[in-house]
Amino acid sequence: MPTDPIIENYLDREKAVIDEIAKYEEISQNKLLRLIVEDKKLMAKNTFEKTLTNIQLKGQADFKREKNKKLWYIQSKKLEELTELEEFIKK
């Protein structure tokens, strides 16, 4: 177990996770964990889970459940623009 963090800044950790999610249309949380924690050894498992929570709370990525899997994805800009337009029309 490393004593010093490999990625010190939390924004850099979030960017690393978002970049991995963006490489795939949808990626399961277990595969994402395997890529970031086990293969690349960018952060610890607990840090990875906290980073995913922060990313979701900020709205940078989201997940959906399919049976017992969490599939992470990044919402497209067009979808966000469409919801903003819909909110504007409702007002």
N, C-alpha and C. Protein backbone atom coordinates (compact mmCIF):
# COMPACT_ATOMS: atom_id res chain seq x y z
N MET A 1 0.83 -1.17 0.00
CA MET A 1 0.00 0.00 0.00
C MET A 1 0.88 1.24 0.00
N PRO A 2 0.69 2.15 -0.95
CA PRO A 2 1.52 3.35 -0.96
C PRO A 2 1.17 4.28 0.20
N THR A 3 2.19 4.91 0.76
CA THR A 3 1.94 5.84 1.86
C THR A 3 1.60 7.23 1.34
N ASP A 4 2.19 7.62 0.23
CA ASP A 4 1.89 8.92 -0.37
C ASP A 4 0.87 8.74 -1.48
N PRO A 5 -0.08 9.67 -1.59
CA PRO A 5 -1.06 9.53 -2.67
C PRO A 5 -0.40 9.74 -4.03
N ILE A 6 -0.83 8.94 -5.00
CA ILE A 6 -0.28 9.05 -6.35
C ILE A 6 -0.84 10.31 -7.01
N ILE A 7 -2.13 10.55 -6.85
CA ILE A 7 -2.77 11.77 -7.35
C ILE A 7 -3.17 12.57 -6.13
N GLU A 8 -2.52 13.70 -5.90
CA GLU A 8 -2.74 14.45 -4.67
C GLU A 8 -4.00 15.31 -4.70
N ASN A 9 -4.27 15.98 -5.80
CA ASN A 9 -5.39 16.91 -5.88
C ASN A 9 -6.68 16.17 -6.20
N TYR A 10 -7.77 16.51 -5.50
CA TYR A 10 -9.03 15.81 -5.73
C TYR A 10 -9.57 16.10 -7.13
N LEU A 11 -9.29 17.28 -7.69
CA LEU A 11 -9.75 17.59 -9.04
C LEU A 11 -9.06 16.69 -10.07
N ASP A 12 -7.81 16.39 -9.84
CA ASP A 12 -7.08 15.49 -10.73
C ASP A 12 -7.63 14.07 -10.63
N ARG A 13 -8.02 13.66 -9.43
CA ARG A 13 -8.62 12.33 -9.26
C ARG A 13 -9.95 12.27 -10.01
N GLU A 14 -10.76 13.32 -9.86
CA GLU A 14 -12.04 13.35 -10.56
C GLU A 14 -11.84 13.32 -12.06
N LYS A 15 -10.86 14.07 -12.55
CA LYS A 15 -10.58 14.10 -13.99
C LYS A 15 -10.15 12.73 -14.48
N ALA A 16 -9.34 12.03 -13.71
CA ALA A 16 -8.89 10.69 -14.10
C ALA A 16 -10.07 9.73 -14.22
N VAL A 17 -11.00 9.80 -13.27
CA VAL A 17 -12.18 8.92 -13.30
C VAL A 17 -13.09 9.30 -14.46
N ILE A 18 -13.32 10.60 -14.65
CA ILE A 18 -14.20 11.05 -15.73
C ILE A 18 -13.62 10.68 -17.09
N ASP A 19 -12.31 10.78 -17.24
CA ASP A 19 -11.67 10.40 -18.50
C ASP A 19 -11.88 8.92 -18.79
N GLU A 20 -11.79 8.09 -17.76
CA GLU A 20 -12.01 6.65 -17.96
C GLU A 20 -13.47 6.37 -18.32
N ILE A 21 -14.40 7.07 -17.68
CA ILE A 21 -15.82 6.87 -18.00
C ILE A 21 -16.09 7.33 -19.43
N ALA A 22 -15.46 8.43 -19.83
CA ALA A 22 -15.69 8.99 -21.17
C ALA A 22 -15.16 8.08 -22.28
N LYS A 23 -14.19 7.24 -21.98
CA LYS A 23 -13.66 6.33 -23.00
C LYS A 23 -14.69 5.31 -23.44
N TYR A 24 -15.64 5.03 -22.58
CA TYR A 24 -16.67 4.03 -22.86
C TYR A 24 -18.03 4.74 -22.85
N GLU A 25 -18.97 4.20 -23.60
CA GLU A 25 -20.31 4.77 -23.57
C GLU A 25 -20.94 4.53 -22.20
N GLU A 26 -20.83 3.30 -21.74
CA GLU A 26 -21.25 2.91 -20.39
C GLU A 26 -20.20 1.95 -19.86
N ILE A 27 -19.89 2.10 -18.59
CA ILE A 27 -18.91 1.21 -17.98
C ILE A 27 -19.40 0.81 -16.60
N SER A 28 -19.29 -0.46 -16.28
CA SER A 28 -19.75 -0.92 -14.97
C SER A 28 -18.78 -0.43 -13.90
N GLN A 29 -19.31 -0.26 -12.71
CA GLN A 29 -18.49 0.24 -11.61
C GLN A 29 -17.35 -0.73 -11.29
N ASN A 30 -17.60 -2.03 -11.41
CA ASN A 30 -16.56 -3.00 -11.12
C ASN A 30 -15.41 -2.92 -12.12
N LYS A 31 -15.74 -2.73 -13.40
CA LYS A 31 -14.70 -2.61 -14.41
C LYS A 31 -13.92 -1.31 -14.22
N LEU A 32 -14.63 -0.25 -13.89
CA LEU A 32 -13.98 1.04 -13.61
C LEU A 32 -13.05 0.92 -12.41
N LEU A 33 -13.50 0.23 -11.38
CA LEU A 33 -12.68 -0.01 -10.20
C LEU A 33 -11.42 -0.79 -10.57
N ARG A 34 -11.60 -1.82 -11.37
CA ARG A 34 -10.47 -2.64 -11.79
C ARG A 34 -9.45 -1.81 -12.58
N LEU A 35 -9.93 -0.97 -13.48
CA LEU A 35 -9.04 -0.15 -14.29
C LEU A 35 -8.26 0.86 -13.45
N ILE A 36 -8.95 1.58 -12.59
CA ILE A 36 -8.34 2.69 -11.88
C ILE A 36 -7.56 2.24 -10.64
N VAL A 37 -8.13 1.34 -9.86
CA VAL A 37 -7.51 0.94 -8.60
C VAL A 37 -6.50 -0.18 -8.79
N GLU A 38 -6.88 -1.21 -9.51
CA GLU A 38 -6.02 -2.39 -9.60
C GLU A 38 -5.00 -2.30 -10.73
N ASP A 39 -5.42 -1.89 -11.93
CA ASP A 39 -4.50 -1.89 -13.07
C ASP A 39 -3.57 -0.67 -13.05
N LYS A 40 -4.16 0.52 -12.99
CA LYS A 40 -3.34 1.74 -13.05
C LYS A 40 -2.83 2.17 -11.68
N LYS A 41 -3.46 1.67 -10.62
CA LYS A 41 -3.07 1.99 -9.24
C LYS A 41 -3.02 3.51 -9.00
N LEU A 42 -4.08 4.20 -9.46
CA LEU A 42 -4.14 5.66 -9.31
C LEU A 42 -4.60 6.08 -7.93
N MET A 43 -5.43 5.26 -7.29
CA MET A 43 -5.94 5.61 -5.96
C MET A 43 -6.42 4.35 -5.25
N ALA A 44 -6.67 4.50 -3.97
CA ALA A 44 -7.19 3.39 -3.17
C ALA A 44 -8.69 3.21 -3.45
N LYS A 45 -9.22 2.07 -3.06
CA LYS A 45 -10.63 1.75 -3.32
C LYS A 45 -11.56 2.74 -2.63
N ASN A 46 -11.27 3.06 -1.38
CA ASN A 46 -12.11 3.98 -0.63
C ASN A 46 -12.10 5.37 -1.28
N THR A 47 -10.94 5.81 -1.71
CA THR A 47 -10.81 7.11 -2.38
C THR A 47 -11.57 7.09 -3.70
N PHE A 48 -11.49 5.98 -4.42
CA PHE A 48 -12.21 5.82 -5.68
C PHE A 48 -13.72 5.96 -5.46
N GLU A 49 -14.25 5.31 -4.44
CA GLU A 49 -15.68 5.37 -4.17
C GLU A 49 -16.12 6.77 -3.77
N LYS A 50 -15.31 7.47 -2.97
CA LYS A 50 -15.62 8.85 -2.59
C LYS A 50 -15.56 9.77 -3.81
N THR A 51 -14.60 9.52 -4.69
CA THR A 51 -14.48 10.33 -5.90
C THR A 51 -15.70 10.15 -6.79
N LEU A 52 -16.18 8.91 -6.94
CA LEU A 52 -17.39 8.67 -7.73
C LEU A 52 -18.60 9.39 -7.15
N THR A 53 -18.71 9.38 -5.83
CA THR A 53 -19.81 10.09 -5.17
C THR A 53 -19.74 11.58 -5.45
N ASN A 54 -18.55 12.16 -5.36
CA ASN A 54 -18.38 13.59 -5.64
C ASN A 54 -18.72 13.92 -7.09
N ILE A 55 -18.30 13.06 -8.00
CA ILE A 55 -18.60 13.29 -9.42
C ILE A 55 -20.10 13.27 -9.66
N GLN A 56 -20.78 12.34 -9.02
CA GLN A 56 -22.24 12.26 -9.19
C GLN A 56 -22.93 13.47 -8.58
N LEU A 57 -22.50 13.89 -7.40
CA LEU A 57 -23.12 15.04 -6.74
C LEU A 57 -22.94 16.32 -7.55
N LYS A 58 -21.81 16.43 -8.23
CA LYS A 58 -21.56 17.61 -9.07
C LYS A 58 -22.26 17.53 -10.41
N GLY A 59 -22.83 16.37 -10.74
CA GLY A 59 -23.56 16.20 -11.99
C GLY A 59 -22.66 15.98 -13.19
N GLN A 60 -21.41 15.61 -12.96
CA GLN A 60 -20.48 15.39 -14.07
C GLN A 60 -20.68 14.02 -14.71
N ALA A 61 -21.18 13.08 -13.95
CA ALA A 61 -21.47 11.74 -14.46
C ALA A 61 -22.62 11.18 -13.62
N ASP A 62 -23.24 10.15 -14.15
CA ASP A 62 -24.35 9.54 -13.43
C ASP A 62 -24.31 8.04 -13.70
N PHE A 63 -25.14 7.31 -12.98
CA PHE A 63 -25.19 5.87 -13.19
C PHE A 63 -26.63 5.44 -13.29
N LYS A 64 -26.80 4.28 -13.92
CA LYS A 64 -28.11 3.63 -13.95
C LYS A 64 -27.90 2.19 -13.53
N ARG A 65 -28.93 1.60 -13.01
CA ARG A 65 -28.84 0.22 -12.56
C ARG A 65 -29.46 -0.71 -13.59
N GLU A 66 -28.73 -1.75 -13.90
CA GLU A 66 -29.26 -2.84 -14.72
C GLU A 66 -29.05 -4.11 -13.93
N LYS A 67 -30.13 -4.65 -13.43
CA LYS A 67 -30.10 -5.80 -12.53
C LYS A 67 -29.25 -5.47 -11.31
N ASN A 68 -28.09 -6.10 -11.17
CA ASN A 68 -27.27 -5.83 -9.99
C ASN A 68 -26.01 -5.03 -10.35
N LYS A 69 -26.00 -4.38 -11.51
CA LYS A 69 -24.83 -3.60 -11.94
C LYS A 69 -25.12 -2.11 -11.89
N LYS A 70 -24.09 -1.35 -11.59
CA LYS A 70 -24.13 0.10 -11.73
C LYS A 70 -23.36 0.45 -12.99
N LEU A 71 -24.04 1.04 -13.95
CA LEU A 71 -23.39 1.45 -15.19
C LEU A 71 -23.21 2.96 -15.18
N TRP A 72 -21.96 3.41 -15.21
CA TRP A 72 -21.65 4.83 -15.18
C TRP A 72 -21.56 5.37 -16.60
N TYR A 73 -22.06 6.59 -16.79
CA TYR A 73 -22.02 7.24 -18.09
C TYR A 73 -21.93 8.75 -17.89
N ILE A 74 -21.54 9.43 -18.96
CA ILE A 74 -21.48 10.89 -18.94
C ILE A 74 -22.59 11.39 -19.84
N GLN A 75 -23.41 12.28 -19.30
CA GLN A 75 -24.51 12.81 -20.08
C GLN A 75 -23.96 13.70 -21.19
N SER A 76 -24.56 13.60 -22.35
CA SER A 76 -24.10 14.42 -23.47
C SER A 76 -24.54 15.86 -23.29
N LYS A 77 -23.82 16.76 -23.92
CA LYS A 77 -24.14 18.19 -23.83
C LYS A 77 -25.50 18.48 -24.45
N LYS A 78 -25.85 17.77 -25.53
CA LYS A 78 -27.14 18.01 -26.19
C LYS A 78 -28.29 17.67 -25.25
N LEU A 79 -28.14 16.61 -24.49
CA LEU A 79 -29.19 16.22 -23.55
C LEU A 79 -29.35 17.29 -22.48
N GLU A 80 -28.24 17.84 -21.99
CA GLU A 80 -28.31 18.90 -20.99
C GLU A 80 -28.95 20.15 -21.57
N GLU A 81 -28.60 20.51 -22.82
CA GLU A 81 -29.19 21.67 -23.46
C GLU A 81 -30.68 21.49 -23.64
N LEU A 82 -31.10 20.27 -23.98
CA LEU A 82 -32.51 19.99 -24.18
C LEU A 82 -33.27 20.16 -22.87
N THR A 83 -32.74 19.68 -21.77
CA THR A 83 -33.44 19.84 -20.50
C THR A 83 -33.48 21.31 -20.08
N GLU A 84 -32.44 22.06 -20.38
CA GLU A 84 -32.47 23.50 -20.07
C GLU A 84 -33.55 24.19 -20.89
N LEU A 85 -33.69 23.80 -22.15
CA LEU A 85 -34.72 24.35 -23.02
C LEU A 85 -36.11 23.99 -22.50
N GLU A 86 -36.28 22.74 -22.07
CA GLU A 86 -37.56 22.30 -21.53
C GLU A 86 -37.92 23.08 -20.26
N GLU A 87 -36.93 23.33 -19.39
CA GLU A 87 -37.18 24.11 -18.19
C GLU A 87 -37.57 25.54 -18.54
N PHE A 88 -36.94 26.10 -19.56
CA PHE A 88 -37.25 27.46 -19.98
C PHE A 88 -38.68 27.52 -20.52
N ILE A 89 -39.09 26.50 -21.25
CA ILE A 89 -40.44 26.48 -21.82
C ILE A 89 -41.50 26.35 -20.73
N LYS A 90 -41.19 25.60 -19.68
CA LYS A 90 -42.15 25.40 -18.58
C LYS A 90 -42.41 26.68 -17.82
N LYS A 91 -41.44 27.60 -17.79
CA LYS A 91 -41.61 28.85 -17.04
C LYS A 91 -42.52 29.80 -17.71
